[in-house]
Protein backbone atom coordinates (compact mmCIF):
# COMPACT_ATOMS: atom_id res chain seq x y z
CA MET A 1 -26.72 11.50 4.57
CA THR A 2 -26.95 7.73 4.08
CA LYS A 3 -24.78 5.32 2.16
CA SER A 4 -27.53 4.72 -0.36
CA ASN A 5 -27.34 8.26 -1.76
CA LEU A 6 -23.57 8.73 -1.40
CA ARG A 7 -23.04 8.16 -5.13
CA ASP A 8 -25.37 11.05 -5.97
CA LEU A 9 -23.05 13.69 -4.54
CA SER A 10 -21.85 16.16 -7.16
CA LEU A 11 -18.51 16.18 -5.32
CA PHE A 12 -17.58 12.84 -6.88
CA ASN A 13 -16.99 11.80 -10.48
CA ASN A 14 -17.85 8.14 -11.02
CA ASP A 15 -17.47 7.92 -14.80
CA GLY A 16 -14.11 6.15 -14.94
CA ALA A 17 -12.86 2.64 -14.12
CA ILE A 18 -13.14 1.25 -10.60
CA PHE A 19 -10.52 -0.73 -8.71
CA MET A 20 -10.49 -4.47 -9.34
CA GLY A 21 -12.94 -6.35 -7.12
CA ALA A 22 -14.72 -3.27 -5.78
CA GLN A 23 -18.32 -3.77 -4.67
CA ARG A 24 -20.94 -1.45 -6.10
CA ASP A 25 -23.16 -1.85 -3.03
CA ILE A 26 -21.97 0.87 -0.65
CA ASP A 27 -24.37 -0.25 2.09
CA GLN A 28 -22.46 -3.53 2.41
CA SER A 29 -18.99 -1.93 2.40
CA ARG A 30 -16.59 -1.11 5.23
CA VAL A 31 -13.80 0.43 3.12
CA SER A 32 -14.05 3.04 0.37
CA LEU A 33 -11.53 4.10 -2.24
CA LEU A 34 -11.56 7.73 -3.33
CA GLY A 35 -9.30 9.24 -5.98
CA VAL A 36 -7.88 12.76 -5.71
CA PRO A 37 -6.34 13.72 -9.10
CA TYR A 38 -4.38 16.75 -7.91
CA ASP A 39 -0.74 17.80 -8.40
CA GLY A 40 -0.91 21.58 -8.13
CA THR A 41 2.22 22.03 -5.98
CA CYS A 42 4.56 19.40 -7.48
CA CYS A 43 8.04 20.91 -7.35
CA PHE A 44 9.90 18.70 -9.84
CA ARG A 45 8.06 16.45 -12.32
CA PRO A 46 4.25 16.80 -12.46
CA GLY A 47 1.77 14.10 -13.45
CA ALA A 48 0.46 12.69 -10.16
CA ARG A 49 -3.04 13.84 -11.13
CA PHE A 50 -3.12 10.84 -13.48
CA GLY A 51 -2.33 8.39 -10.68
CA PRO A 52 -5.85 7.38 -9.59
CA SER A 53 -7.03 6.42 -13.08
CA ALA A 54 -3.82 4.53 -13.92
CA ILE A 55 -3.96 2.53 -10.67
CA ARG A 56 -7.57 1.57 -11.27
CA GLU A 57 -6.95 0.51 -14.86
CA ASP A 58 -3.78 -1.46 -14.08
CA SER A 59 -5.24 -3.11 -10.98
CA TYR A 60 -6.74 -5.68 -13.37
CA GLY A 61 -3.21 -6.90 -14.05
CA ILE A 62 -2.85 -8.42 -10.57
CA GLU A 63 -4.73 -11.20 -8.79
CA THR A 64 -7.50 -10.54 -6.28
CA TYR A 65 -5.83 -13.03 -3.90
CA CYS A 66 -2.94 -12.00 -1.62
CA PRO A 67 -0.86 -15.02 -0.50
CA GLN A 68 0.89 -13.02 2.23
CA LEU A 69 -2.36 -12.11 4.00
CA ASP A 70 -4.29 -15.17 2.74
CA LEU A 71 -7.19 -12.91 1.78
CA ASP A 72 -9.10 -12.32 -1.45
CA LEU A 73 -10.66 -9.06 -2.60
CA GLU A 74 -13.66 -11.04 -3.85
CA ASP A 75 -14.46 -11.89 -0.21
CA ILE A 76 -14.13 -8.29 1.00
CA ASN A 77 -16.84 -5.66 1.01
CA PHE A 78 -15.22 -2.49 -0.28
CA THR A 79 -16.34 0.17 -2.70
CA ASP A 80 -14.72 2.62 -5.09
CA ILE A 81 -16.79 5.80 -5.25
CA GLY A 82 -14.70 7.45 -7.95
CA SER A 83 -12.61 10.62 -7.84
CA LEU A 84 -13.05 14.13 -6.56
CA ASP A 85 -13.55 16.97 -8.99
CA VAL A 86 -10.90 19.35 -7.66
CA PRO A 87 -10.02 22.97 -8.54
CA LEU A 88 -6.46 22.35 -9.74
CA GLY A 89 -5.32 25.97 -9.36
CA ASP A 90 -6.46 26.50 -5.76
CA ALA A 91 -4.56 24.48 -3.13
CA GLU A 92 -6.57 25.73 -0.15
CA LEU A 93 -9.94 25.06 -1.76
CA THR A 94 -8.74 21.64 -2.93
CA LEU A 95 -7.85 20.69 0.66
CA ASP A 96 -11.30 21.85 1.78
CA TYR A 97 -12.90 19.59 -0.84
CA ILE A 98 -10.76 16.67 0.32
CA SER A 99 -11.65 17.28 3.96
CA ASP A 100 -15.37 17.44 3.13
CA ALA A 101 -15.20 14.25 1.08
CA THR A 102 -13.30 12.38 3.82
CA ASN A 103 -15.88 13.53 6.35
CA ILE A 104 -18.67 12.11 4.17
CA LEU A 105 -16.94 8.73 4.11
CA LEU A 106 -16.47 8.73 7.88
CA LYS A 107 -20.11 9.70 8.52
CA ASN A 108 -21.12 6.71 6.43
CA ASN A 109 -18.88 4.41 8.50
CA LEU A 110 -16.53 3.85 5.56
CA LYS A 111 -12.81 3.59 6.21
CA PRO A 112 -11.08 5.95 3.75
CA LEU A 113 -8.40 4.75 1.37
CA ILE A 114 -7.44 7.80 -0.68
CA ILE A 115 -5.54 7.50 -3.97
CA GLY A 116 -3.48 10.53 -5.03
CA GLY A 117 -2.45 12.75 -6.51
CA GLU A 118 0.37 14.53 -4.71
CA HIS A 119 1.20 14.26 -1.02
CA SER A 120 -0.33 17.57 0.07
CA ILE A 121 -3.77 15.92 -0.12
CA THR A 122 -2.99 14.24 3.22
CA ILE A 123 -3.42 17.58 5.01
CA GLY A 124 -7.09 17.76 4.02
CA ILE A 125 -7.69 14.12 4.97
CA ILE A 126 -6.16 14.51 8.43
CA LYS A 127 -8.16 17.68 9.12
CA SER A 128 -11.27 15.57 8.84
CA ILE A 129 -10.05 12.36 10.47
CA ILE A 130 -8.88 13.95 13.72
CA THR A 131 -12.46 15.07 14.47
CA ASN A 132 -13.35 11.38 14.77
CA TYR A 133 -10.01 10.15 16.10
CA PRO A 134 -8.37 12.83 18.31
CA ASP A 135 -5.84 10.27 19.62
CA LEU A 136 -4.74 9.38 16.09
CA ILE A 137 -1.19 8.21 15.36
CA MET A 138 0.28 8.71 11.88
CA LEU A 139 2.73 6.50 10.03
CA GLN A 140 4.60 7.97 7.06
CA LEU A 141 6.37 5.83 4.48
CA ASP A 142 8.29 8.27 2.30
CA ALA A 143 11.65 9.11 0.78
CA HIS A 144 11.34 12.73 1.91
CA ALA A 145 10.76 14.28 5.34
CA ASP A 146 8.16 16.81 4.07
CA LEU A 147 8.77 18.97 7.14
CA ARG A 148 9.52 22.29 5.42
CA ASP A 149 7.52 25.22 6.72
CA GLU A 150 7.14 26.52 3.16
CA TRP A 151 8.40 25.70 -0.31
CA LEU A 152 8.50 28.16 -3.20
CA GLY A 153 6.32 30.51 -1.18
CA SER A 154 3.60 27.95 -0.40
CA LYS A 155 2.83 26.50 3.02
CA LEU A 156 0.53 23.95 1.37
CA SER A 157 3.21 22.45 -0.88
CA HIS A 158 3.69 18.68 -0.88
CA ALA A 159 7.11 19.42 0.65
CA CYS A 160 5.31 20.78 3.74
CA THR A 161 2.76 18.00 4.26
CA MET A 162 4.00 16.51 7.52
CA LYS A 163 4.71 19.95 8.99
CA ARG A 164 1.06 20.93 8.44
CA CYS A 165 -0.17 17.57 9.77
CA LEU A 166 1.91 17.95 12.93
CA GLU A 167 0.38 21.37 13.55
CA ILE A 168 -3.17 19.98 13.61
CA LEU A 169 -2.62 16.45 14.96
CA PRO A 170 -3.63 16.49 18.66
CA SER A 171 -1.36 13.57 19.63
CA LYS A 172 1.68 14.99 17.75
CA LYS A 173 2.59 11.34 17.14
CA ILE A 174 3.99 10.77 13.67
CA PHE A 175 6.40 7.94 12.96
CA GLN A 176 8.43 8.68 9.82
CA ILE A 177 9.69 5.45 8.32
CA GLY A 178 12.56 5.13 5.89
CA ILE A 179 13.13 8.83 5.15
CA ARG A 180 16.37 9.28 3.21
CA SER A 181 16.10 12.83 1.87
CA GLY A 182 15.60 16.24 3.46
CA THR A 183 17.36 19.31 4.76
CA LYS A 184 19.72 19.20 7.72
CA SER A 185 17.12 20.98 9.84
CA GLU A 186 14.44 18.43 8.89
CA PHE A 187 16.67 15.55 9.98
CA LEU A 188 17.51 17.36 13.23
CA GLU A 189 13.81 17.80 13.92
CA MET A 190 13.06 14.12 13.24
CA ASN A 191 15.93 12.85 15.34
CA ASN A 192 15.35 15.22 18.26
CA SER A 193 11.66 14.32 18.43
CA LYS A 194 12.40 10.57 18.19
CA ARG A 195 9.90 10.31 15.33
CA PHE A 196 12.38 8.94 12.83
CA ILE A 197 12.34 5.17 12.30
CA GLN A 198 15.64 3.57 11.25
CA HIS A 199 16.04 3.72 7.48
CA THR A 200 18.54 0.88 7.01
CA LEU A 201 17.22 -1.82 4.67
CA GLY A 202 15.66 -4.66 6.63
CA GLU A 203 15.45 -2.71 9.90
CA ASN A 204 12.31 -0.61 9.35
CA ALA A 205 9.77 -3.25 10.36
CA LYS A 206 11.66 -4.25 13.50
CA SER A 207 12.04 -0.63 14.59
CA LEU A 208 8.38 0.13 13.84
CA GLU A 209 7.19 -2.87 15.84
CA GLU A 210 9.19 -1.65 18.83
CA ALA A 211 7.91 1.94 18.46
CA LEU A 212 4.25 0.85 18.34
CA LYS A 213 4.35 -1.46 21.35
CA SER A 214 2.96 1.14 23.73
CA PHE A 215 0.23 2.26 21.29
CA LYS A 216 -1.70 -1.00 20.93
CA GLY A 217 -5.34 -0.30 20.11
CA ARG A 218 -4.79 3.35 19.19
CA PRO A 219 -6.17 4.43 15.79
CA ILE A 220 -3.45 4.55 13.13
CA TYR A 221 -3.44 6.36 9.79
CA LEU A 222 -0.87 5.43 7.13
CA THR A 223 0.29 7.93 4.52
CA PHE A 224 2.36 6.25 1.83
CA ASP A 225 4.37 8.28 -0.67
CA LEU A 226 5.35 5.79 -3.36
CA ASP A 227 8.81 7.35 -3.77
CA TRP A 228 9.63 5.35 -0.61
CA PHE A 229 10.29 2.52 -3.05
CA ASP A 230 13.57 2.45 -4.93
CA PRO A 231 13.40 4.12 -8.37
CA SER A 232 14.43 0.80 -9.93
CA VAL A 233 10.98 -0.58 -9.07
CA MET A 234 9.07 2.74 -8.89
CA PRO A 235 10.38 5.02 -11.67
CA GLY A 236 6.96 6.61 -12.15
CA THR A 237 7.11 9.23 -9.43
CA GLY A 238 7.81 12.95 -9.53
CA THR A 239 10.77 13.07 -7.12
CA PRO A 240 12.60 9.72 -7.25
CA GLU A 241 15.26 9.16 -4.61
CA PRO A 242 17.96 6.46 -4.96
CA GLY A 243 18.58 4.09 -2.07
CA GLY A 244 14.96 3.07 -1.55
CA TYR A 245 13.02 -0.03 -0.64
CA PHE A 246 11.50 -3.07 -2.27
CA TRP A 247 8.34 -5.16 -2.02
CA GLY A 248 9.80 -7.38 0.71
CA ASP A 249 10.41 -4.33 2.91
CA PHE A 250 6.80 -3.22 2.47
CA ALA A 251 5.52 -6.75 3.16
CA ALA A 252 7.47 -6.77 6.45
CA ILE A 253 5.85 -3.50 7.49
CA ILE A 254 2.41 -4.87 6.57
CA ASN A 255 3.09 -7.78 8.94
CA VAL A 256 3.61 -5.25 11.75
CA ILE A 257 0.62 -3.04 10.95
CA LYS A 258 -1.83 -5.94 10.63
CA SER A 259 -1.91 -6.39 14.40
CA HIS A 260 -2.81 -2.72 14.97
CA ASN A 261 -5.93 -0.59 14.45
CA LEU A 262 -5.54 0.89 10.95
CA ILE A 263 -8.46 3.26 10.36
CA GLY A 264 -7.44 4.92 7.08
CA ALA A 265 -4.66 5.38 4.54
CA ASP A 266 -3.57 7.24 1.45
CA VAL A 267 -1.24 6.24 -1.39
CA VAL A 268 0.24 9.19 -3.25
CA GLU A 269 2.76 10.51 -5.81
CA LEU A 270 2.39 8.01 -8.63
CA SER A 271 3.09 9.81 -11.91
CA PRO A 272 2.26 7.04 -14.38
CA LYS A 273 3.22 8.90 -17.55
CA LEU A 274 6.84 8.97 -16.34
CA ASP A 275 6.97 5.16 -16.55
CA THR A 276 6.12 3.81 -19.98
CA THR A 277 6.49 0.20 -18.76
CA GLY A 278 3.50 0.46 -16.38
CA ILE A 279 5.29 -1.38 -13.57
CA SER A 280 4.93 1.60 -11.23
CA SER A 281 1.13 1.53 -11.55
CA ILE A 282 1.08 -2.23 -10.99
CA LEU A 283 3.19 -1.86 -7.84
CA ALA A 284 0.89 0.90 -6.57
CA ALA A 285 -2.17 -1.26 -7.22
CA LYS A 286 -0.61 -4.12 -5.27
CA VAL A 287 0.07 -1.78 -2.32
CA ILE A 288 -3.57 -0.70 -2.39
CA ARG A 289 -4.73 -4.32 -2.50
CA SER A 290 -2.85 -4.99 0.75
CA LEU A 291 -4.22 -1.86 2.39
CA ILE A 292 -7.83 -2.67 1.46
CA MET A 293 -7.37 -6.03 3.18
CA LEU A 294 -5.82 -4.49 6.31
CA LEU A 295 -8.53 -1.85 6.60
CA ASP A 296 -11.28 -4.43 6.24
CA LYS A 297 -9.59 -6.64 8.84
CA SER A 298 -9.01 -3.87 11.43
CA SER A 299 -11.63 -3.32 14.12
């Protein structure tokens, strides 16, 4: 499989809009966006399947230039190969599709930036990524711990995402940043394993920088559930949680991550139809703009 025939795969649907500034020449790209329109296990308000298309369409409402990173998408070689056609009623098969698609990107030396969809998609991504990066470290920005063993009878629910990732991640290194919701047992597990990064406003970046000091050069994967943001700026998500974070908090974390080896990321749980103003989609697009730049910059 070569980059030149990647677009011909029946796995992908390329009929919709692409993210602002994306290059159509895959052979010249280092980073690839892939949408996964899936929300089959959402336990409160569904609609995350519409996230990838909304983010792409609303990305044209922001600039290509990022003053924080002093980078411009027009100077970056990245591609948007479209979205996966997923079997919405079959969680296990959906994760297999996601794993296969991620593997295709990696084989073509493309750093994956996956747009969800619900958070369970991360399980399929990590299954593929650890074959290339067995010493992988995960960072999780999220309102919820997602450490349940099962939810409503499903072990592949988005409420179980990090539990499933921990089971397959060889390093067992997951730093959970800013979690403010979960069961008592989930918080005990996070605190006892020292995976939990301080959730006080303004302290996340400082704590993360300290935690990553001994992991310089190690491959890092970021999974970003958009409900990490406060509902006042991110109302368009299925399980909003008061007491969240703002753009300045995310920018501070970006300043920490930019000196590390980010090899992939996903941005999940935007439910655009829950926010008629469109600000949630704009915020998600701006997050993705920053992550494209970091992935292109990383070694």
